[in-house]
């Protein structure tokens, strides 16, 4: 199975803790023994801090986006270091390079690609391009809810939803000030247009990734820490 994993910078690079990178690397190493794995790392707090400083100095948004991409690639470089010989040594800078790198048999790690695209969007585009079996969005949220659970105490979590329903939820949440959707709207659109199987899950504990993306992942059984997105009946 080919799995594209969007690994949020806020959980991977929290406090820039080297032990945390090593824990994720160990889990990814284990998953890669069963599946072909390509990881896209986010920028996290460091990216937000650098972008904030750039904006304060009057930088335009494209420049800020490039700064964010640079930070995602630094996080990718750290994760590659943690993977050691099990990691592909170079960071792909576009989708074609990534498609060639997966033939190495190693865990491929990359950061951002294009200004204006989030980590989720890059991962979704790459999953479509590679015809991946599964897109996994590893974040600090334990799945998709009917509304933002941080703003609505009555929000209901879904075990499984369709891509069409995901888009409706994401767009409704994005329209509300202060609310944050579990999936980037662009990523949601890509998931819908190519009928891509996806999983949104809470991966703040690295071990959860290993449990969910192990040998049983193809069964898509309900999980307490996430939501499956699938067009299949």
Protein backbone atom coordinates (compact mmCIF):
# COMPACT_ATOMS: atom_id res chain seq x y z
CA UNK A 1 0.00 0.00 0.00
CA UNK A 2 1.24 3.49 -0.89
CA UNK A 3 0.54 5.96 1.92
CA UNK A 4 1.05 9.72 1.72
CA UNK A 5 1.27 11.21 5.21
CA UNK A 6 0.77 14.88 6.03
CA UNK A 7 2.57 15.28 9.35
CA UNK A 8 1.68 18.57 11.02
CA UNK A 9 4.59 20.68 12.17
CA UNK A 10 2.76 21.54 15.38
CA UNK A 11 2.95 17.91 16.50
CA UNK A 12 6.25 16.87 14.89
CA UNK A 13 8.37 19.88 15.80
CA UNK A 14 6.74 20.83 19.09
CA UNK A 15 9.37 22.70 21.14
CA UNK A 16 11.92 21.43 18.58
CA UNK A 17 12.34 18.33 20.74
CA UNK A 18 14.89 15.94 19.21
CA UNK A 19 13.44 12.98 21.12
CA UNK A 20 10.09 13.68 19.49
CA UNK A 21 11.63 13.54 16.02
CA UNK A 22 13.28 10.24 16.94
CA UNK A 23 9.99 8.77 18.19
CA UNK A 24 8.20 9.66 14.97
CA UNK A 25 11.14 8.32 12.96
CA UNK A 26 10.95 4.97 14.75
CA UNK A 27 7.22 4.70 14.02
CA UNK A 28 7.66 5.71 10.38
CA UNK A 29 10.48 3.19 10.03
CA UNK A 30 8.15 0.47 11.32
CA UNK A 31 5.29 1.49 9.00
CA UNK A 32 7.65 1.52 6.01
CA UNK A 33 8.35 -2.18 6.50
CA UNK A 34 4.71 -2.87 5.57
CA UNK A 35 3.88 0.03 3.23
CA UNK A 36 5.52 2.48 0.85
CA UNK A 37 5.55 5.77 2.76
CA UNK A 38 5.96 9.38 1.70
CA UNK A 39 5.82 12.09 4.37
CA UNK A 40 5.12 15.81 3.99
CA UNK A 41 6.14 17.83 7.05
CA UNK A 42 4.48 21.03 8.17
CA UNK A 43 6.13 24.14 9.55
CA UNK A 44 4.45 24.42 12.94
CA UNK A 45 5.16 27.18 15.43
CA UNK A 46 8.56 28.00 13.95
CA UNK A 47 6.98 28.78 10.59
CA UNK A 48 4.34 30.96 12.23
CA UNK A 49 7.00 32.86 14.16
CA UNK A 50 9.19 33.49 11.12
CA UNK A 51 6.22 34.48 8.97
CA UNK A 52 5.00 36.80 11.72
CA UNK A 53 8.40 38.50 11.85
CA UNK A 54 8.46 38.85 8.06
CA UNK A 55 5.00 40.42 8.00
CA UNK A 56 6.02 42.84 10.75
CA UNK A 57 8.82 44.00 8.46
CA UNK A 58 6.42 44.52 5.57
CA UNK A 59 7.12 41.36 3.57
CA UNK A 60 4.53 40.42 0.94
CA UNK A 61 2.53 37.20 1.28
CA UNK A 62 4.45 35.32 -1.43
CA UNK A 63 7.69 35.99 0.45
CA UNK A 64 6.01 34.80 3.65
CA UNK A 65 4.90 31.63 1.87
CA UNK A 66 8.46 30.92 0.73
CA UNK A 67 9.69 31.41 4.30
CA UNK A 68 7.08 28.90 5.44
CA UNK A 69 8.23 26.43 2.77
CA UNK A 70 11.82 26.82 3.97
CA UNK A 71 10.78 25.94 7.53
CA UNK A 72 8.83 22.87 6.40
CA UNK A 73 11.95 21.68 4.60
CA UNK A 74 14.07 22.24 7.71
CA UNK A 75 11.65 20.03 9.63
CA UNK A 76 11.91 17.49 6.81
CA UNK A 77 15.70 17.60 7.07
CA UNK A 78 15.54 16.94 10.82
CA UNK A 79 13.19 14.00 10.30
CA UNK A 80 15.50 12.56 7.64
CA UNK A 81 18.38 12.84 10.10
CA UNK A 82 16.30 10.98 12.69
CA UNK A 83 15.50 8.23 10.15
CA UNK A 84 19.17 7.68 9.38
CA UNK A 85 19.79 5.13 6.64
CA UNK A 86 16.07 4.38 6.42
CA UNK A 87 15.34 7.88 5.11
CA UNK A 88 15.78 9.03 1.53
CA UNK A 89 18.72 11.46 1.81
CA UNK A 90 17.38 14.23 -0.43
CA UNK A 91 14.28 16.39 0.00
CA UNK A 92 12.09 16.37 -3.13
CA UNK A 93 11.14 19.91 -4.11
CA UNK A 94 8.36 18.99 -6.52
CA UNK A 95 5.95 16.16 -7.25
CA UNK A 96 8.02 14.61 -10.04
CA UNK A 97 11.08 14.33 -7.80
CA UNK A 98 8.90 12.73 -5.13
CA UNK A 99 7.53 10.18 -7.60
CA UNK A 100 11.06 9.11 -8.48
CA UNK A 101 12.25 9.02 -4.87
CA UNK A 102 9.66 6.45 -3.76
CA UNK A 103 11.39 3.86 -5.94
CA UNK A 104 14.33 3.97 -3.51
CA UNK A 105 12.54 1.77 -0.98
CA UNK A 106 13.26 4.33 1.74
CA UNK A 107 10.99 6.70 3.66
CA UNK A 108 10.73 9.83 1.52
CA UNK A 109 10.29 13.11 3.41
CA UNK A 110 9.56 16.50 1.88
CA UNK A 111 8.20 19.89 2.85
CA UNK A 112 6.21 22.52 1.00
CA UNK A 113 6.27 22.97 -2.75
CA UNK A 114 4.34 26.00 -3.96
CA UNK A 115 3.38 29.33 -2.34
CA UNK A 116 -0.25 29.40 -1.27
CA UNK A 117 -0.47 25.67 -0.54
CA UNK A 118 -0.77 24.19 2.94
CA UNK A 119 0.87 20.94 3.99
CA UNK A 120 -2.50 19.19 3.61
CA UNK A 121 -2.92 20.54 0.08
CA UNK A 122 0.57 19.43 -0.96
CA UNK A 123 -0.09 15.97 0.48
CA UNK A 124 -3.46 15.67 -1.28
CA UNK A 125 -2.04 16.76 -4.64
CA UNK A 126 0.85 14.34 -4.25
CA UNK A 127 -1.50 11.51 -3.28
CA UNK A 128 -3.56 12.18 -6.40
CA UNK A 129 -0.46 12.41 -8.61
CA UNK A 130 0.97 9.15 -7.27
CA UNK A 131 -2.43 7.43 -7.15
CA UNK A 132 -1.81 6.65 -3.51
CA UNK A 133 -3.93 4.10 -1.70
CA UNK A 134 -4.34 6.34 1.32
CA UNK A 135 -3.83 9.96 2.35
CA UNK A 136 -3.33 10.37 6.09
CA UNK A 137 -3.59 13.80 7.71
CA UNK A 138 -1.86 13.55 11.08
CA UNK A 139 -2.81 16.49 13.24
CA UNK A 140 -3.84 17.46 16.78
CA UNK A 141 -7.56 16.90 16.08
CA UNK A 142 -9.10 13.47 16.63
CA UNK A 143 -11.12 13.45 13.42
CA UNK A 144 -13.81 15.35 11.55
CA UNK A 145 -16.70 16.90 13.49
CA UNK A 146 -20.00 18.39 12.36
CA UNK A 147 -18.56 21.78 13.40
CA UNK A 148 -15.46 23.08 15.15
CA UNK A 149 -15.47 21.28 18.55
CA UNK A 150 -13.40 24.10 20.03
CA UNK A 151 -16.25 26.51 19.34
CA UNK A 152 -19.31 24.24 19.48
CA UNK A 153 -19.78 21.93 22.50
CA UNK A 154 -22.51 20.08 20.58
CA UNK A 155 -20.23 19.15 17.67
CA UNK A 156 -20.54 15.48 16.69
CA UNK A 157 -17.56 13.39 15.57
CA UNK A 158 -17.86 11.15 12.51
CA UNK A 159 -16.30 7.69 12.25
CA UNK A 160 -16.65 7.74 8.45
CA UNK A 161 -17.83 10.39 6.00
CA UNK A 162 -17.96 10.86 2.24
CA UNK A 163 -15.72 13.37 0.42
CA UNK A 164 -18.81 15.39 -0.51
CA UNK A 165 -19.89 15.68 3.12
CA UNK A 166 -16.34 16.63 4.11
CA UNK A 167 -16.41 19.58 1.70
CA UNK A 168 -19.76 20.77 3.07
CA UNK A 169 -18.43 20.64 6.64
CA UNK A 170 -15.13 22.30 5.80
CA UNK A 171 -16.75 25.15 3.89
CA UNK A 172 -19.32 25.74 6.65
CA UNK A 173 -16.60 25.87 9.31
CA UNK A 174 -14.36 28.14 7.22
CA UNK A 175 -17.21 30.65 6.90
CA UNK A 176 -17.37 31.13 10.68
CA UNK A 177 -14.91 33.60 12.18
CA UNK A 178 -12.53 32.01 14.67
CA UNK A 179 -13.33 28.46 13.60
CA UNK A 180 -10.77 26.08 12.13
CA UNK A 181 -11.59 23.18 9.84
CA UNK A 182 -9.83 19.81 10.28
CA UNK A 183 -8.84 19.70 6.60
CA UNK A 184 -7.66 22.48 4.31
CA UNK A 185 -10.42 23.38 1.77
CA UNK A 186 -8.09 22.77 -1.18
CA UNK A 187 -7.16 19.34 0.16
CA UNK A 188 -10.84 18.53 0.70
CA UNK A 189 -11.62 19.43 -2.93
CA UNK A 190 -8.81 17.21 -4.19
CA UNK A 191 -9.97 14.31 -2.02
CA UNK A 192 -13.44 14.71 -3.54
CA UNK A 193 -12.41 15.07 -7.18
CA UNK A 194 -10.23 11.96 -7.26
CA UNK A 195 -12.29 9.89 -4.78
CA UNK A 196 -9.21 9.51 -2.60
CA UNK A 197 -9.40 7.43 0.56
CA UNK A 198 -8.18 9.52 3.48
CA UNK A 199 -7.84 9.44 7.25
CA UNK A 200 -7.81 12.48 9.53
CA UNK A 201 -6.36 11.50 12.89
CA UNK A 202 -4.90 12.75 16.14
CA UNK A 203 -1.21 11.82 16.00
CA UNK A 204 0.12 13.81 18.93
CA UNK A 205 1.23 10.46 20.32
CA UNK A 206 3.57 8.94 17.70
CA UNK A 207 2.61 5.39 18.67
CA UNK A 208 -0.94 5.98 17.41
CA UNK A 209 0.39 6.29 13.87
CA UNK A 210 1.96 2.87 14.13
CA UNK A 211 -1.22 1.33 15.52
CA UNK A 212 -3.54 2.79 12.88
CA UNK A 213 -1.25 2.53 9.85
CA UNK A 214 -0.13 -1.01 10.55
CA UNK A 215 -1.12 -4.13 8.69
CA UNK A 216 -4.83 -3.67 9.45
CA UNK A 217 -5.09 -0.22 7.82
CA UNK A 218 -6.74 -1.64 4.68
CA UNK A 219 -9.79 -2.71 6.72
CA UNK A 220 -10.56 0.93 7.61
CA UNK A 221 -12.14 -0.08 10.89
CA UNK A 222 -13.52 2.81 13.01
CA UNK A 223 -10.87 4.41 15.22
CA UNK A 224 -11.39 6.54 18.31
CA UNK A 225 -8.67 8.98 17.29
CA UNK A 226 -9.77 9.72 13.74
CA UNK A 227 -12.25 9.81 10.87
CA UNK A 228 -12.14 7.85 7.61
CA UNK A 229 -13.05 9.70 4.43
CA UNK A 230 -14.11 7.34 1.69
CA UNK A 231 -16.35 7.37 -1.38
CA UNK A 232 -16.95 3.64 -1.06
CA UNK A 233 -20.33 2.45 0.14
